[in-house]
Amino acid sequence: MDAAPNAPRDDLRVVVRPLPKIVFFYPTWLMSAFCAIFHGAPGVDLFWMVVFFVNLLVIAFDFNEERSLILTLAVFSGLLGSLYLGWLGPISTWAMALEPSMNAVFYMMTFVGFSVIFLFVWIKTRFDYWEFRPNEVVHRYGIFPKMKRYSTEDMRWDKTVPDVLERLMLGTGTIMLTTPHESHPVVLEHVMRIGSIDDRIADILGVKRVVERETSQA
C-alpha cells in the first residue's frame, strides 16, 4: 500500500538534539575509568588532576577564535620561556613531587557518577528534541509527547560556533531560529555534528523552495 500523500518522509527530516554542557566532561569521565584500572602507576593521580582542571577551564569559559589563539600563544610562549630560562625541569620536578593521592574507589565512583548522569542526558534527548521538515519545525518534548510547531515561512536559522574547543571536542555548535511567531530567537545549544546538520537543514528547505517553484509554474 502506498503511503498517504501528506505523510512525512524520513529522508525529508532532520532531528536535532541539543545537549547540556556537562557532556564536555567526557575526558574526565574516561580518565576516571583509566585511573581506576591503572591506579598505582606513577603520575596517574597528577595526570587525572590536569585533565580535570583543563576540563573545568573548557566548561567555565567560551573560547572563541580570538581567545583560543591567545591561549595557544600564551601556552606556547610560556613553554618556550621556561625552556629558555631553564625552568621547565624544576617545574616538572616540583609538579611530580606534589603527589596528589586518590584511591581506586574515588576514580570508580567518579566514573559511575558521570555514567549515570550521561545516561539521564541520553534519555532526556529522546524526549526533548527538534524536527526540521520542509514545511515546519516541530519541537517535541515531555514523557507524554507534546509538541510545538513552527512554520518555515519567514523563518531564518543561523549556525554559530561560539566555542572552538567545544567544536574540537564534540563537533558542536549553536543553531538560532528566528521566526515572527516568537518574540525572541529560539537557541539550540551544543548540537553535535553541527556542520552536517546545517547542510541537511539547508537541503530540506531547498527541497521546499524547489517544490514551491514547480507548483507556481504549474
Protein backbone atom coordinates (compact mmCIF):
# COMPACT_ATOMS: atom_id res chain seq x y z
CA MET A 1 0.00 0.00 0.00
CA ASP A 2 1.37 3.42 -0.91
CA ALA A 3 1.98 5.97 1.80
CA ALA A 4 -0.50 8.77 2.21
CA PRO A 5 0.35 11.81 0.05
CA ASN A 6 0.91 14.07 3.07
CA ALA A 7 2.84 11.53 5.16
CA PRO A 8 6.31 12.84 6.16
CA ARG A 9 9.28 11.03 4.65
CA ASP A 10 12.26 10.16 6.84
CA ASP A 11 14.70 11.44 4.21
CA LEU A 12 12.98 14.85 4.43
CA ARG A 13 13.52 15.18 8.16
CA VAL A 14 16.43 16.29 10.32
CA VAL A 15 16.39 15.53 14.05
CA VAL A 16 18.31 17.95 16.25
CA ARG A 17 19.00 17.06 19.88
CA PRO A 18 20.54 19.94 21.90
CA LEU A 19 22.85 18.80 24.69
CA PRO A 20 23.65 20.23 28.14
CA LYS A 21 27.17 21.49 28.73
CA ILE A 22 28.03 18.67 31.13
CA VAL A 23 28.67 16.35 28.17
CA PHE A 24 32.03 18.11 27.75
CA PHE A 25 33.18 16.42 30.95
CA TYR A 26 33.68 13.21 29.00
CA PRO A 27 37.53 13.47 29.16
CA THR A 28 37.31 13.41 32.98
CA TRP A 29 34.83 10.53 32.75
CA LEU A 30 37.16 8.48 30.54
CA MET A 31 40.23 9.43 32.58
CA SER A 32 38.47 8.26 35.75
CA ALA A 33 37.92 4.83 34.21
CA PHE A 34 41.57 4.70 33.11
CA CYS A 35 42.83 5.67 36.58
CA ALA A 36 40.53 3.17 38.30
CA ILE A 37 42.07 0.39 36.19
CA PHE A 38 45.70 1.54 36.37
CA HIS A 39 45.66 3.05 39.86
CA GLY A 40 49.09 2.91 41.45
CA ALA A 41 51.01 3.66 38.26
CA PRO A 42 53.40 6.65 38.58
CA GLY A 43 51.84 10.02 37.79
CA VAL A 44 48.29 8.73 37.36
CA ASP A 45 46.80 10.90 40.11
CA LEU A 46 48.57 14.03 38.84
CA PHE A 47 47.50 13.29 35.26
CA TRP A 48 43.87 13.00 36.38
CA MET A 49 44.12 16.38 38.13
CA VAL A 50 45.50 18.02 34.97
CA VAL A 51 42.69 16.58 32.81
CA PHE A 52 40.08 17.62 35.37
CA PHE A 53 41.25 21.24 35.63
CA VAL A 54 41.59 21.59 31.85
CA ASN A 55 38.04 20.25 31.62
CA LEU A 56 36.89 22.88 34.13
CA LEU A 57 38.57 25.55 32.01
CA VAL A 58 36.61 24.41 28.94
CA ILE A 59 33.34 24.47 30.88
CA ALA A 60 33.96 27.80 32.62
CA PHE A 61 34.84 29.93 29.57
CA ASP A 62 33.77 30.25 25.95
CA PHE A 63 36.87 30.14 23.77
CA ASN A 64 36.09 31.92 20.54
CA GLU A 65 38.73 32.12 17.81
CA GLU A 66 40.48 35.13 19.34
CA ARG A 67 40.63 33.67 22.86
CA SER A 68 41.75 30.28 21.56
CA LEU A 69 44.56 31.93 19.61
CA ILE A 70 45.63 33.99 22.64
CA LEU A 71 45.57 30.89 24.88
CA THR A 72 47.61 28.88 22.38
CA LEU A 73 50.20 31.64 22.02
CA ALA A 74 50.35 32.12 25.80
CA VAL A 75 50.94 28.40 26.45
CA PHE A 76 53.49 28.16 23.63
CA SER A 77 55.29 31.30 24.82
CA GLY A 78 55.27 30.03 28.40
CA LEU A 79 56.82 26.72 27.36
CA LEU A 80 59.48 28.41 25.24
CA GLY A 81 60.25 30.90 28.01
CA SER A 82 60.52 28.17 30.64
CA LEU A 83 62.76 26.13 28.35
CA TYR A 84 64.99 29.12 27.60
CA LEU A 85 65.31 30.09 31.27
CA GLY A 86 65.83 26.52 32.39
CA TRP A 87 62.65 26.46 34.46
CA LEU A 88 60.97 23.54 32.69
CA GLY A 89 62.94 20.86 34.54
CA PRO A 90 62.45 22.31 38.05
CA ILE A 91 58.76 22.96 37.36
CA SER A 92 58.28 19.35 36.23
CA THR A 93 60.15 18.06 39.29
CA TRP A 94 58.05 20.27 41.58
CA ALA A 95 54.79 19.12 39.96
CA MET A 96 55.71 15.43 40.22
CA ALA A 97 56.71 15.93 43.87
CA LEU A 98 53.23 17.16 44.76
CA GLU A 99 51.95 13.57 44.65
CA PRO A 100 48.17 14.15 44.93
CA SER A 101 46.52 10.97 46.13
CA MET A 102 43.13 9.49 45.24
CA ASN A 103 42.32 5.83 45.62
CA ALA A 104 40.74 3.49 43.10
CA VAL A 105 37.34 3.80 44.81
CA PHE A 106 37.34 7.56 44.18
CA TYR A 107 38.00 7.05 40.48
CA MET A 108 35.41 4.32 40.17
CA MET A 109 32.76 6.39 41.96
CA THR A 110 33.56 9.38 39.72
CA PHE A 111 33.26 7.21 36.62
CA VAL A 112 29.97 5.67 37.78
CA GLY A 113 28.57 9.10 38.77
CA PHE A 114 29.30 10.58 35.36
CA SER A 115 27.95 7.43 33.67
CA VAL A 116 24.60 7.79 35.46
CA ILE A 117 24.39 11.49 34.56
CA PHE A 118 25.24 10.82 30.91
CA LEU A 119 22.59 8.09 30.82
CA PHE A 120 19.94 10.55 32.04
CA VAL A 121 21.14 13.10 29.48
CA TRP A 122 20.76 10.50 26.72
CA ILE A 123 17.25 9.62 27.94
CA LYS A 124 16.29 13.31 28.06
CA THR A 125 17.36 13.81 24.43
CA ARG A 126 14.98 11.01 23.42
CA PHE A 127 12.06 13.03 24.85
CA ASP A 128 13.16 16.58 24.06
CA TYR A 129 14.28 17.23 20.50
CA TRP A 130 13.54 19.20 17.33
CA GLU A 131 12.49 18.02 13.88
CA PHE A 132 13.14 20.07 10.76
CA ARG A 133 10.79 19.30 7.87
CA PRO A 134 10.24 21.05 4.52
CA ASN A 135 7.18 22.98 5.73
CA GLU A 136 7.59 23.10 9.50
CA VAL A 137 9.88 22.82 12.51
CA VAL A 138 8.49 20.71 15.34
CA HIS A 139 9.63 20.79 18.96
CA ARG A 140 8.74 17.50 20.67
CA TYR A 141 9.11 17.34 24.44
CA GLY A 142 7.80 15.58 27.54
CA ILE A 143 7.37 11.96 28.59
CA PHE A 144 3.76 12.22 27.45
CA PRO A 145 4.51 13.64 24.00
CA LYS A 146 3.80 17.32 23.50
CA MET A 147 4.77 19.35 20.51
CA LYS A 148 5.01 22.89 19.26
CA ARG A 149 5.01 23.60 15.54
CA TYR A 150 6.65 26.47 13.69
CA SER A 151 6.05 27.25 10.05
CA THR A 152 9.18 27.60 7.95
CA GLU A 153 7.62 30.62 6.25
CA ASP A 154 9.76 33.65 7.09
CA MET A 155 11.92 31.50 9.36
CA ARG A 156 15.67 32.07 9.45
CA TRP A 157 18.25 29.83 11.02
CA ASP A 158 21.83 30.74 11.81
CA LYS A 159 24.70 28.41 12.65
CA THR A 160 27.35 29.67 15.04
CA VAL A 161 30.37 28.10 16.73
CA PRO A 162 30.77 30.14 19.94
CA ASP A 163 33.45 27.86 21.42
CA VAL A 164 36.31 26.47 19.33
CA LEU A 165 37.38 23.95 21.98
CA GLU A 166 33.87 22.52 22.24
CA ARG A 167 33.79 22.22 18.45
CA LEU A 168 37.06 20.29 18.56
CA MET A 169 35.87 18.03 21.39
CA LEU A 170 32.43 17.02 20.09
CA GLY A 171 31.88 18.90 16.83
CA THR A 172 29.17 21.02 18.43
CA GLY A 173 27.72 24.41 17.59
CA THR A 174 24.61 26.51 18.10
CA ILE A 175 21.53 26.91 15.90
CA MET A 176 19.44 30.06 16.30
CA LEU A 177 15.93 30.07 14.88
CA THR A 178 14.29 33.41 14.22
CA THR A 179 10.58 33.40 13.47
CA PRO A 180 7.93 36.15 13.55
CA HIS A 181 5.83 33.90 15.81
CA GLU A 182 8.31 34.23 18.72
CA SER A 183 9.47 37.46 20.36
CA HIS A 184 12.98 36.06 20.94
CA PRO A 185 15.16 33.73 18.87
CA VAL A 186 14.99 30.03 19.72
CA VAL A 187 18.50 28.88 20.66
CA LEU A 188 19.55 25.24 20.28
CA GLU A 189 22.90 24.87 22.03
CA HIS A 190 25.59 22.20 21.79
CA VAL A 191 24.27 20.47 18.67
CA MET A 192 26.62 17.68 17.65
CA ARG A 193 27.82 17.37 14.01
CA ILE A 194 26.78 20.98 13.50
CA GLY A 195 28.31 21.14 10.02
CA SER A 196 26.41 18.18 8.56
CA ILE A 197 23.22 19.16 10.44
CA ASP A 198 23.37 22.64 8.92
CA ASP A 199 23.88 21.19 5.41
CA ARG A 200 20.94 18.81 5.81
CA ILE A 201 18.65 21.60 7.04
CA ALA A 202 19.64 23.65 4.01
CA ASP A 203 18.86 20.69 1.75
CA ILE A 204 15.42 20.24 3.29
CA LEU A 205 14.49 23.89 2.99
CA GLY A 206 15.95 23.81 -0.51
CA VAL A 207 13.55 20.96 -1.39
CA LYS A 208 10.74 23.16 -0.12
CA ARG A 209 11.79 26.02 -2.37
CA VAL A 210 12.00 23.74 -5.43
CA VAL A 211 8.55 22.30 -4.75
CA GLU A 212 7.08 25.80 -4.36
CA ARG A 213 8.75 26.95 -7.60
CA GLU A 214 7.41 23.96 -9.53
CA THR A 215 3.96 24.49 -8.06
CA SER A 216 3.93 28.17 -9.04
CA GLN A 217 4.88 27.27 -12.62
CA ALA A 218 2.10 24.69 -12.95
